[in-house]
Amino acid sequence: MDNWLAIVISLSYLVLFLSLMMAFIRMALGPTLADRVVALDLIAFITIGFIAVYTLDSGQRAFLDVAITLGLVAFLGTVVFARLIAKRVSEERE
């Protein structure tokens, strides 16, 4: 049973890493600011995924507090960026 869990955790790390690389590419190449904001938000949530998988791997529950805090900060950052984008769009229309 432990071998099965180790395989799943290793695959999870691999998939999260590939997702992180694709999100970095989108953030670098994103044609619009909105694409970059979404990619940055995705990077934050992939990092939360890494923390969750590491918590399963190590058995230390203290890292879940870090993941929850990062999720809240990422959400607030997304709201701020959305307001910034909305403000820019409304200024361009005027």
PDB file of N, CA and C in Angstrom:
ATOM      1  N   MET A   1       0.822  -1.198   0.000  1.00  0.00           N
ATOM      2  CA  MET A   1       0.000   0.000   0.000  1.00  0.00           C
ATOM      3  C   MET A   1       0.863   1.258   0.000  1.00  0.00           C
ATOM      4  N   ASP A   2       1.976   1.257   0.726  1.00  0.00           N
ATOM      5  CA  ASP A   2       2.850   2.412   0.764  1.00  0.00           C
ATOM      6  C   ASP A   2       3.488   2.668  -0.602  1.00  0.00           C
ATOM      7  N   ASN A   3       3.774   1.596  -1.335  1.00  0.00           N
ATOM      8  CA  ASN A   3       4.368   1.747  -2.656  1.00  0.00           C
ATOM      9  C   ASN A   3       3.390   2.453  -3.591  1.00  0.00           C
ATOM     10  N   TRP A   4       2.116   2.121  -3.502  1.00  0.00           N
ATOM     11  CA  TRP A   4       1.094   2.755  -4.326  1.00  0.00           C
ATOM     12  C   TRP A   4       1.014   4.251  -4.028  1.00  0.00           C
ATOM     13  N   LEU A   5       1.040   4.616  -2.763  1.00  0.00           N
ATOM     14  CA  LEU A   5       0.982   6.015  -2.363  1.00  0.00           C
ATOM     15  C   LEU A   5       2.214   6.773  -2.849  1.00  0.00           C
ATOM     16  N   ALA A   6       3.373   6.163  -2.792  1.00  0.00           N
ATOM     17  CA  ALA A   6       4.600   6.807  -3.267  1.00  0.00           C
ATOM     18  C   ALA A   6       4.537   7.062  -4.770  1.00  0.00           C
ATOM     19  N   ILE A   7       3.963   6.132  -5.516  1.00  0.00           N
ATOM     20  CA  ILE A   7       3.826   6.314  -6.964  1.00  0.00           C
ATOM     21  C   ILE A   7       2.864   7.453  -7.267  1.00  0.00           C
ATOM     22  N   VAL A   8       1.747   7.501  -6.576  1.00  0.00           N
ATOM     23  CA  VAL A   8       0.767   8.566  -6.798  1.00  0.00           C
ATOM     24  C   VAL A   8       1.347   9.927  -6.422  1.00  0.00           C
ATOM     25  N   ILE A   9       2.084   9.999  -5.347  1.00  0.00           N
ATOM     26  CA  ILE A   9       2.702  11.264  -4.942  1.00  0.00           C
ATOM     27  C   ILE A   9       3.743  11.695  -5.967  1.00  0.00           C
ATOM     28  N   SER A  10       4.535  10.768  -6.467  1.00  0.00           N
ATOM     29  CA  SER A  10       5.530  11.106  -7.494  1.00  0.00           C
ATOM     30  C   SER A  10       4.860  11.601  -8.773  1.00  0.00           C
ATOM     31  N   LEU A  11       3.796  10.950  -9.191  1.00  0.00           N
ATOM     32  CA  LEU A  11       3.062  11.396 -10.373  1.00  0.00           C
ATOM     33  C   LEU A  11       2.427  12.763 -10.146  1.00  0.00           C
ATOM     34  N   SER A  12       1.958  13.008  -8.937  1.00  0.00           N
ATOM     35  CA  SER A  12       1.376  14.304  -8.615  1.00  0.00           C
ATOM     36  C   SER A  12       2.415  15.405  -8.711  1.00  0.00           C
ATOM     37  N   TYR A  13       3.603  15.157  -8.189  1.00  0.00           N
ATOM     38  CA  TYR A  13       4.683  16.136  -8.316  1.00  0.00           C
ATOM     39  C   TYR A  13       4.989  16.412  -9.788  1.00  0.00           C
ATOM     40  N   LEU A  14       5.036  15.373 -10.602  1.00  0.00           N
ATOM     41  CA  LEU A  14       5.347  15.529 -12.017  1.00  0.00           C
ATOM     42  C   LEU A  14       4.281  16.356 -12.730  1.00  0.00           C
ATOM     43  N   VAL A  15       3.018  16.032 -12.500  1.00  0.00           N
ATOM     44  CA  VAL A  15       1.922  16.756 -13.150  1.00  0.00           C
ATOM     45  C   VAL A  15       1.886  18.215 -12.678  1.00  0.00           C
ATOM     46  N   LEU A  16       2.089  18.439 -11.403  1.00  0.00           N
ATOM     47  CA  LEU A  16       2.112  19.810 -10.896  1.00  0.00           C
ATOM     48  C   LEU A  16       3.276  20.595 -11.486  1.00  0.00           C
ATOM     49  N   PHE A  17       4.427  19.955 -11.628  1.00  0.00           N
ATOM     50  CA  PHE A  17       5.578  20.633 -12.210  1.00  0.00           C
ATOM     51  C   PHE A  17       5.321  21.008 -13.668  1.00  0.00           C
ATOM     52  N   LEU A  18       4.746  20.081 -14.434  1.00  0.00           N
ATOM     53  CA  LEU A  18       4.427  20.380 -15.832  1.00  0.00           C
ATOM     54  C   LEU A  18       3.407  21.515 -15.925  1.00  0.00           C
ATOM     55  N   SER A  19       2.416  21.496 -15.046  1.00  0.00           N
ATOM     56  CA  SER A  19       1.423  22.573 -15.023  1.00  0.00           C
ATOM     57  C   SER A  19       2.075  23.903 -14.674  1.00  0.00           C
ATOM     58  N   LEU A  20       3.004  23.875 -13.750  1.00  0.00           N
ATOM     59  CA  LEU A  20       3.702  25.095 -13.351  1.00  0.00           C
ATOM     60  C   LEU A  20       4.509  25.659 -14.515  1.00  0.00           C
ATOM     61  N   MET A  21       5.175  24.806 -15.271  1.00  0.00           N
ATOM     62  CA  MET A  21       5.953  25.272 -16.418  1.00  0.00           C
ATOM     63  C   MET A  21       5.034  25.886 -17.484  1.00  0.00           C
ATOM     64  N   MET A  22       3.907  25.258 -17.741  1.00  0.00           N
ATOM     65  CA  MET A  22       2.971  25.811 -18.726  1.00  0.00           C
ATOM     66  C   MET A  22       2.393  27.142 -18.256  1.00  0.00           C
ATOM     67  N   ALA A  23       2.149  27.273 -16.965  1.00  0.00           N
ATOM     68  CA  ALA A  23       1.633  28.539 -16.434  1.00  0.00           C
ATOM     69  C   ALA A  23       2.690  29.634 -16.547  1.00  0.00           C
ATOM     70  N   PHE A  24       3.966  29.304 -16.307  1.00  0.00           N
ATOM     71  CA  PHE A  24       5.033  30.295 -16.471  1.00  0.00           C
ATOM     72  C   PHE A  24       5.157  30.734 -17.934  1.00  0.00           C
ATOM     73  N   ILE A  25       4.995  29.796 -18.852  1.00  0.00           N
ATOM     74  CA  ILE A  25       5.039  30.147 -20.271  1.00  0.00           C
ATOM     75  C   ILE A  25       3.888  31.079 -20.616  1.00  0.00           C
ATOM     76  N   ARG A  26       2.690  30.789 -20.115  1.00  0.00           N
ATOM     77  CA  ARG A  26       1.546  31.656 -20.370  1.00  0.00           C
ATOM     78  C   ARG A  26       1.758  33.029 -19.760  1.00  0.00           C
ATOM     79  N   MET A  27       2.361  33.082 -18.590  1.00  0.00           N
ATOM     80  CA  MET A  27       2.600  34.370 -17.954  1.00  0.00           C
ATOM     81  C   MET A  27       3.621  35.181 -18.755  1.00  0.00           C
ATOM     82  N   ALA A  28       4.615  34.523 -19.305  1.00  0.00           N
ATOM     83  CA  ALA A  28       5.632  35.233 -20.077  1.00  0.00           C
ATOM     84  C   ALA A  28       5.125  35.657 -21.452  1.00  0.00           C
ATOM     85  N   LEU A  29       4.328  34.813 -22.090  1.00  0.00           N
ATOM     86  CA  LEU A  29       3.897  35.067 -23.462  1.00  0.00           C
ATOM     87  C   LEU A  29       2.489  35.638 -23.564  1.00  0.00           C
ATOM     88  N   GLY A  30       1.760  35.666 -22.481  1.00  0.00           N
ATOM     89  CA  GLY A  30       0.365  36.100 -22.518  1.00  0.00           C
ATOM     90  C   GLY A  30       0.189  37.401 -23.261  1.00  0.00           C
ATOM     91  N   PRO A  31      -0.663  37.425 -24.276  1.00  0.00           N
ATOM     92  CA  PRO A  31      -0.775  38.658 -25.052  1.00  0.00           C
ATOM     93  C   PRO A  31      -1.445  39.806 -24.293  1.00  0.00           C
ATOM     94  N   THR A  32      -2.247  39.499 -23.298  1.00  0.00           N
ATOM     95  CA  THR A  32      -2.932  40.567 -22.569  1.00  0.00           C
ATOM     96  C   THR A  32      -2.588  40.495 -21.088  1.00  0.00           C
ATOM     97  N   LEU A  33      -2.895  41.580 -20.408  1.00  0.00           N
ATOM     98  CA  LEU A  33      -2.673  41.619 -18.962  1.00  0.00           C
ATOM     99  C   LEU A  33      -3.555  40.597 -18.249  1.00  0.00           C
ATOM    100  N   ALA A  34      -4.764  40.405 -18.746  1.00  0.00           N
ATOM    101  CA  ALA A  34      -5.669  39.433 -18.122  1.00  0.00           C
ATOM    102  C   ALA A  34      -5.096  38.018 -18.189  1.00  0.00           C
ATOM    103  N   ASP A  35      -4.464  37.664 -19.306  1.00  0.00           N
ATOM    104  CA  ASP A  35      -3.831  36.349 -19.423  1.00  0.00           C
ATOM    105  C   ASP A  35      -2.722  36.183 -18.387  1.00  0.00           C
ATOM    106  N   ARG A  36      -1.963  37.228 -18.186  1.00  0.00           N
ATOM    107  CA  ARG A  36      -0.874  37.177 -17.210  1.00  0.00           C
ATOM    108  C   ARG A  36      -1.396  37.075 -15.781  1.00  0.00           C
ATOM    109  N   VAL A  37      -2.490  37.769 -15.496  1.00  0.00           N
ATOM    110  CA  VAL A  37      -3.085  37.714 -14.159  1.00  0.00           C
ATOM    111  C   VAL A  37      -3.627  36.319 -13.877  1.00  0.00           C
ATOM    112  N   VAL A  38      -4.305  35.737 -14.847  1.00  0.00           N
ATOM    113  CA  VAL A  38      -4.828  34.381 -14.665  1.00  0.00           C
ATOM    114  C   VAL A  38      -3.686  33.383 -14.488  1.00  0.00           C
ATOM    115  N   ALA A  39      -2.612  33.550 -15.254  1.00  0.00           N
ATOM    116  CA  ALA A  39      -1.453  32.660 -15.114  1.00  0.00           C
ATOM    117  C   ALA A  39      -0.808  32.807 -13.743  1.00  0.00           C
ATOM    118  N   LEU A  40      -0.706  34.035 -13.254  1.00  0.00           N
ATOM    119  CA  LEU A  40      -0.139  34.254 -11.926  1.00  0.00           C
ATOM    120  C   LEU A  40      -1.010  33.622 -10.843  1.00  0.00           C
ATOM    121  N   ASP A  41      -2.317  33.732 -10.994  1.00  0.00           N
ATOM    122  CA  ASP A  41      -3.237  33.097 -10.055  1.00  0.00           C
ATOM    123  C   ASP A  41      -3.098  31.576 -10.118  1.00  0.00           C
ATOM    124  N   LEU A  42      -2.974  31.054 -11.316  1.00  0.00           N
ATOM    125  CA  LEU A  42      -2.788  29.611 -11.481  1.00  0.00           C
ATOM    126  C   LEU A  42      -1.495  29.143 -10.828  1.00  0.00           C
ATOM    127  N   ILE A  43      -0.429  29.930 -10.946  1.00  0.00           N
ATOM    128  CA  ILE A  43       0.841  29.577 -10.314  1.00  0.00           C
ATOM    129  C   ILE A  43       0.679  29.511  -8.800  1.00  0.00           C
ATOM    130  N   ALA A  44      -0.069  30.449  -8.246  1.00  0.00           N
ATOM    131  CA  ALA A  44      -0.302  30.424  -6.796  1.00  0.00           C
ATOM    132  C   ALA A  44      -1.050  29.165  -6.384  1.00  0.00           C
ATOM    133  N   PHE A  45      -2.063  28.782  -7.151  1.00  0.00           N
ATOM    134  CA  PHE A  45      -2.831  27.602  -6.774  1.00  0.00           C
ATOM    135  C   PHE A  45      -2.092  26.297  -7.061  1.00  0.00           C
ATOM    136  N   ILE A  46      -1.221  26.298  -8.045  1.00  0.00           N
ATOM    137  CA  ILE A  46      -0.363  25.122  -8.247  1.00  0.00           C
ATOM    138  C   ILE A  46       0.602  24.985  -7.083  1.00  0.00           C
ATOM    139  N   THR A  47       1.098  26.112  -6.585  1.00  0.00           N
ATOM    140  CA  THR A  47       1.962  26.080  -5.405  1.00  0.00           C
ATOM    141  C   THR A  47       1.212  25.513  -4.209  1.00  0.00           C
ATOM    142  N   ILE A  48      -0.054  25.861  -4.070  1.00  0.00           N
ATOM    143  CA  ILE A  48      -0.876  25.282  -3.003  1.00  0.00           C
ATOM    144  C   ILE A  48      -0.985  23.772  -3.198  1.00  0.00           C
ATOM    145  N   GLY A  49      -1.103  23.337  -4.449  1.00  0.00           N
ATOM    146  CA  GLY A  49      -1.119  21.905  -4.733  1.00  0.00           C
ATOM    147  C   GLY A  49       0.172  21.224  -4.332  1.00  0.00           C
ATOM    148  N   PHE A  50       1.300  21.869  -4.614  1.00  0.00           N
ATOM    149  CA  PHE A  50       2.593  21.330  -4.173  1.00  0.00           C
ATOM    150  C   PHE A  50       2.641  21.204  -2.655  1.00  0.00           C
ATOM    151  N   ILE A  51       2.159  22.216  -1.969  1.00  0.00           N
ATOM    152  CA  ILE A  51       2.170  22.168  -0.508  1.00  0.00           C
ATOM    153  C   ILE A  51       1.281  21.036  -0.005  1.00  0.00           C
ATOM    154  N   ALA A  52       0.126  20.849  -0.628  1.00  0.00           N
ATOM    155  CA  ALA A  52      -0.775  19.775  -0.201  1.00  0.00           C
ATOM    156  C   ALA A  52      -0.156  18.404  -0.435  1.00  0.00           C
ATOM    157  N   VAL A  53       0.472  18.215  -1.581  1.00  0.00           N
ATOM    158  CA  VAL A  53       1.112  16.924  -1.862  1.00  0.00           C
ATOM    159  C   VAL A  53       2.289  16.696  -0.919  1.00  0.00           C
ATOM    160  N   TYR A  54       3.054  17.759  -0.646  1.00  0.00           N
ATOM    161  CA  TYR A  54       4.171  17.610   0.285  1.00  0.00           C
ATOM    162  C   TYR A  54       3.662  17.291   1.692  1.00  0.00           C
ATOM    163  N   THR A  55       2.525  17.858   2.055  1.00  0.00           N
ATOM    164  CA  THR A  55       1.937  17.541   3.357  1.00  0.00           C
ATOM    165  C   THR A  55       1.588  16.058   3.441  1.00  0.00           C
ATOM    166  N   LEU A  56       1.030  15.511   2.366  1.00  0.00           N
ATOM    167  CA  LEU A  56       0.750  14.070   2.342  1.00  0.00           C
ATOM    168  C   LEU A  56       2.040  13.259   2.397  1.00  0.00           C
ATOM    169  N   ASP A  57       3.050  13.742   1.701  1.00  0.00           N
ATOM    170  CA  ASP A  57       4.317  13.023   1.631  1.00  0.00           C
ATOM    171  C   ASP A  57       5.051  13.020   2.971  1.00  0.00           C
ATOM    172  N   SER A  58       5.054  14.177   3.641  1.00  0.00           N
ATOM    173  CA  SER A  58       5.833  14.285   4.875  1.00  0.00           C
ATOM    174  C   SER A  58       5.021  13.975   6.131  1.00  0.00           C
ATOM    175  N   GLY A  59       3.720  14.142   6.062  1.00  0.00           N
ATOM    176  CA  GLY A  59       2.879  13.902   7.232  1.00  0.00           C
ATOM    177  C   GLY A  59       2.831  15.058   8.211  1.00  0.00           C
ATOM    178  N   GLN A  60       3.385  16.201   7.839  1.00  0.00           N
ATOM    179  CA  GLN A  60       3.377  17.373   8.708  1.00  0.00           C
ATOM    180  C   GLN A  60       2.187  18.259   8.355  1.00  0.00           C
ATOM    181  N   ARG A  61       1.229  18.336   9.243  1.00  0.00           N
ATOM    182  CA  ARG A  61      -0.001  19.079   8.974  1.00  0.00           C
ATOM    183  C   ARG A  61       0.169  20.591   9.060  1.00  0.00           C
ATOM    184  N   ALA A  62       1.278  21.049   9.582  1.00  0.00           N
ATOM    185  CA  ALA A  62       1.487  22.492   9.737  1.00  0.00           C
ATOM    186  C   ALA A  62       1.539  23.202   8.391  1.00  0.00           C
ATOM    187  N   PHE A  63       1.929  22.488   7.344  1.00  0.00           N
ATOM    188  CA  PHE A  63       2.012  23.107   6.028  1.00  0.00           C
ATOM    189  C   PHE A  63       0.639  23.438   5.459  1.00  0.00           C
ATOM    190  N   LEU A  64      -0.397  22.798   5.930  1.00  0.00           N
ATOM    191  CA  LEU A  64      -1.737  23.119   5.455  1.00  0.00           C
ATOM    192  C   LEU A  64      -2.136  24.539   5.831  1.00  0.00           C
ATOM    193  N   ASP A  65      -1.664  25.025   6.972  1.00  0.00           N
ATOM    194  CA  ASP A  65      -1.921  26.416   7.347  1.00  0.00           C
ATOM    195  C   ASP A  65      -1.279  27.366   6.345  1.00  0.00           C
ATOM    196  N   VAL A  66      -0.097  27.031   5.895  1.00  0.00           N
ATOM    197  CA  VAL A  66       0.585  27.845   4.892  1.00  0.00           C
ATOM    198  C   VAL A  66      -0.209  27.835   3.587  1.00  0.00           C
ATOM    199  N   ALA A  67      -0.722  26.680   3.203  1.00  0.00           N
ATOM    200  CA  ALA A  67      -1.501  26.574   1.970  1.00  0.00           C
ATOM    201  C   ALA A  67      -2.777  27.404   2.053  1.00  0.00           C
ATOM    202  N   ILE A  68      -3.455  27.373   3.181  1.00  0.00           N
ATOM    203  CA  ILE A  68      -4.675  28.153   3.346  1.00  0.00           C
ATOM    204  C   ILE A  68      -4.364  29.642   3.284  1.00  0.00           C
ATOM    205  N   THR A  69      -3.304  30.063   3.932  1.00  0.00           N
ATOM    206  CA  THR A  69      -2.907  31.469   3.904  1.00  0.00           C
ATOM    207  C   THR A  69      -2.547  31.906   2.490  1.00  0.00           C
ATOM    208  N   LEU A  70      -1.804  31.085   1.778  1.00  0.00           N
ATOM    209  CA  LEU A  70      -1.445  31.411   0.403  1.00  0.00           C
ATOM    210  C   LEU A  70      -2.686  31.498  -0.478  1.00  0.00           C
ATOM    211  N   GLY A  71      -3.655  30.640  -0.258  1.00  0.00           N
ATOM    212  CA  GLY A  71      -4.896  30.698  -1.016  1.00  0.00           C
ATOM    213  C   GLY A  71      -5.649  31.994  -0.791  1.00  0.00           C
ATOM    214  N   LEU A  72      -5.699  32.446   0.459  1.00  0.00           N
ATOM    215  CA  LEU A  72      -6.366  33.707   0.758  1.00  0.00           C
ATOM    216  C   LEU A  72      -5.642  34.894   0.133  1.00  0.00           C
ATOM    217  N   VAL A  73      -4.330  34.902   0.222  1.00  0.00           N
ATOM    218  CA  VAL A  73      -3.550  35.995  -0.365  1.00  0.00           C
ATOM    219  C   VAL A  73      -3.692  35.994  -1.885  1.00  0.00           C
ATOM    220  N   ALA A  74      -3.674  34.820  -2.494  1.00  0.00           N
ATOM    221  CA  ALA A  74      -3.820  34.727  -3.947  1.00  0.00           C
ATOM    222  C   ALA A  74      -5.201  35.224  -4.379  1.00  0.00           C
ATOM    223  N   PHE A  75      -6.227  34.889  -3.622  1.00  0.00           N
ATOM    224  CA  PHE A  75      -7.572  35.360  -3.944  1.00  0.00           C
ATOM    225  C   PHE A  75      -7.644  36.879  -3.866  1.00  0.00           C
ATOM    226  N   LEU A  76      -7.091  37.454  -2.814  1.00  0.00           N
ATOM    227  CA  LEU A  76      -7.108  38.906  -2.682  1.00  0.00           C
ATOM    228  C   LEU A  76      -6.307  39.576  -3.796  1.00  0.00           C
ATOM    229  N   GLY A  77      -5.195  38.995  -4.162  1.00  0.00           N
ATOM    230  CA  GLY A  77      -4.406  39.527  -5.271  1.00  0.00           C
ATOM    231  C   GLY A  77      -5.169  39.493  -6.582  1.00  0.00           C
ATOM    232  N   THR A  78      -5.909  38.434  -6.813  1.00  0.00           N
ATOM    233  CA  THR A  78      -6.707  38.324  -8.028  1.00  0.00           C
ATOM    234  C   THR A  78      -7.797  39.378  -8.059  1.00  0.00           C
ATOM    235  N   VAL A  79      -8.426  39.623  -6.920  1.00  0.00           N
ATOM    236  CA  VAL A  79      -9.461  40.655  -6.849  1.00  0.00           C
ATOM    237  C   VAL A  79      -8.862  42.029  -7.148  1.00  0.00           C
ATOM    238  N   VAL A  80      -7.696  42.302  -6.607  1.00  0.00           N
ATOM    239  CA  VAL A  80      -7.044  43.591  -6.849  1.00  0.00           C
ATOM    240  C   VAL A  80      -6.677  43.745  -8.322  1.00  0.00           C
ATOM    241  N   PHE A  81      -6.126  42.698  -8.930  1.00  0.00           N
ATOM    242  CA  PHE A  81      -5.786  42.763 -10.353  1.00  0.00           C
ATOM    243  C   PHE A  81      -7.035  42.928 -11.207  1.00  0.00           C
ATOM    244  N   ALA A  82      -8.119  42.261 -10.859  1.00  0.00           N
ATOM    245  CA  ALA A  82      -9.368  42.394 -11.618  1.00  0.00           C
ATOM    246  C   ALA A  82      -9.886  43.828 -11.549  1.00  0.00           C
ATOM    247  N   ARG A  83      -9.813  44.439 -10.392  1.00  0.00           N
ATOM    248  CA  ARG A  83     -10.229  45.843 -10.263  1.00  0.00           C
ATOM    249  C   ARG A  83      -9.325  46.750 -11.099  1.00  0.00           C
ATOM    250  N   LEU A  84      -8.027  46.475 -11.105  1.00  0.00           N
ATOM    251  CA  LEU A  84      -7.097  47.262 -11.897  1.00  0.00           C
ATOM    252  C   LEU A  84      -7.416  47.156 -13.380  1.00  0.00           C
ATOM    253  N   ILE A  85      -7.671  45.949 -13.840  1.00  0.00           N
ATOM    254  CA  ILE A  85      -7.998  45.742 -15.252  1.00  0.00           C
ATOM    255  C   ILE A  85      -9.313  46.439 -15.589  1.00  0.00           C
ATOM    256  N   ALA A  86     -10.311  46.315 -14.724  1.00  0.00           N
ATOM    257  CA  ALA A  86     -11.597  46.973 -14.965  1.00  0.00           C
ATOM    258  C   ALA A  86     -11.437  48.489 -15.005  1.00  0.00           C
ATOM    259  N   LYS A  87     -10.598  49.031 -14.142  1.00  0.00           N
ATOM    260  CA  LYS A  87     -10.359  50.471 -14.120  1.00  0.00           C
ATOM    261  C   LYS A  87      -9.674  50.923 -15.408  1.00  0.00           C
ATOM    262  N   ARG A  88      -8.698  50.144 -15.871  1.00  0.00           N
ATOM    263  CA  ARG A  88      -8.016  50.496 -17.126  1.00  0.00           C
ATOM    264  C   ARG A  88      -8.967  50.461 -18.308  1.00  0.00           C
ATOM    265  N   VAL A  89      -9.837  49.469 -18.346  1.00  0.00           N
ATOM    266  CA  VAL A  89     -10.784  49.354 -19.447  1.00  0.00           C
ATOM    267  C   VAL A  89     -11.763  50.534 -19.422  1.00  0.00           C
ATOM    268  N   SER A  90     -12.236  50.902 -18.238  1.00  0.00           N
ATOM    269  CA  SER A  90     -13.166  52.021 -18.174  1.00  0.00           C
ATOM    270  C   SER A  90     -12.475  53.340 -18.522  1.00  0.00           C
ATOM    271  N   GLU A  91     -11.197  53.500 -18.206  1.00  0.00           N
ATOM    272  CA  GLU A  91     -10.462  54.707 -18.569  1.00  0.00           C
ATOM    273  C   GLU A  91     -10.210  54.770 -20.067  1.00  0.00           C
ATOM    274  N   GLU A  92     -10.008  53.630 -20.700  1.00  0.00           N
ATOM    275  CA  GLU A  92      -9.790  53.614 -22.136  1.00  0.00           C
ATOM    276  C   GLU A  92     -11.061  53.962 -22.896  1.00  0.00           C
ATOM    277  N   ARG A  93     -12.215  53.618 -22.357  1.00  0.00           N
ATOM    278  CA  ARG A  93     -13.499  53.925 -23.002  1.00  0.00           C
ATOM    279  C   ARG A  93     -13.843  55.397 -22.932  1.00  0.00           C
ATOM    280  N   GLU A  94     -13.311  56.086 -21.943  1.00  0.00           N
ATOM    281  CA  GLU A  94     -13.638  57.515 -21.765  1.00  0.00           C
ATOM    282  C   GLU A  94     -12.888  58.398 -22.698  1.00  0.00           C
TER     283      GLU A  94
END
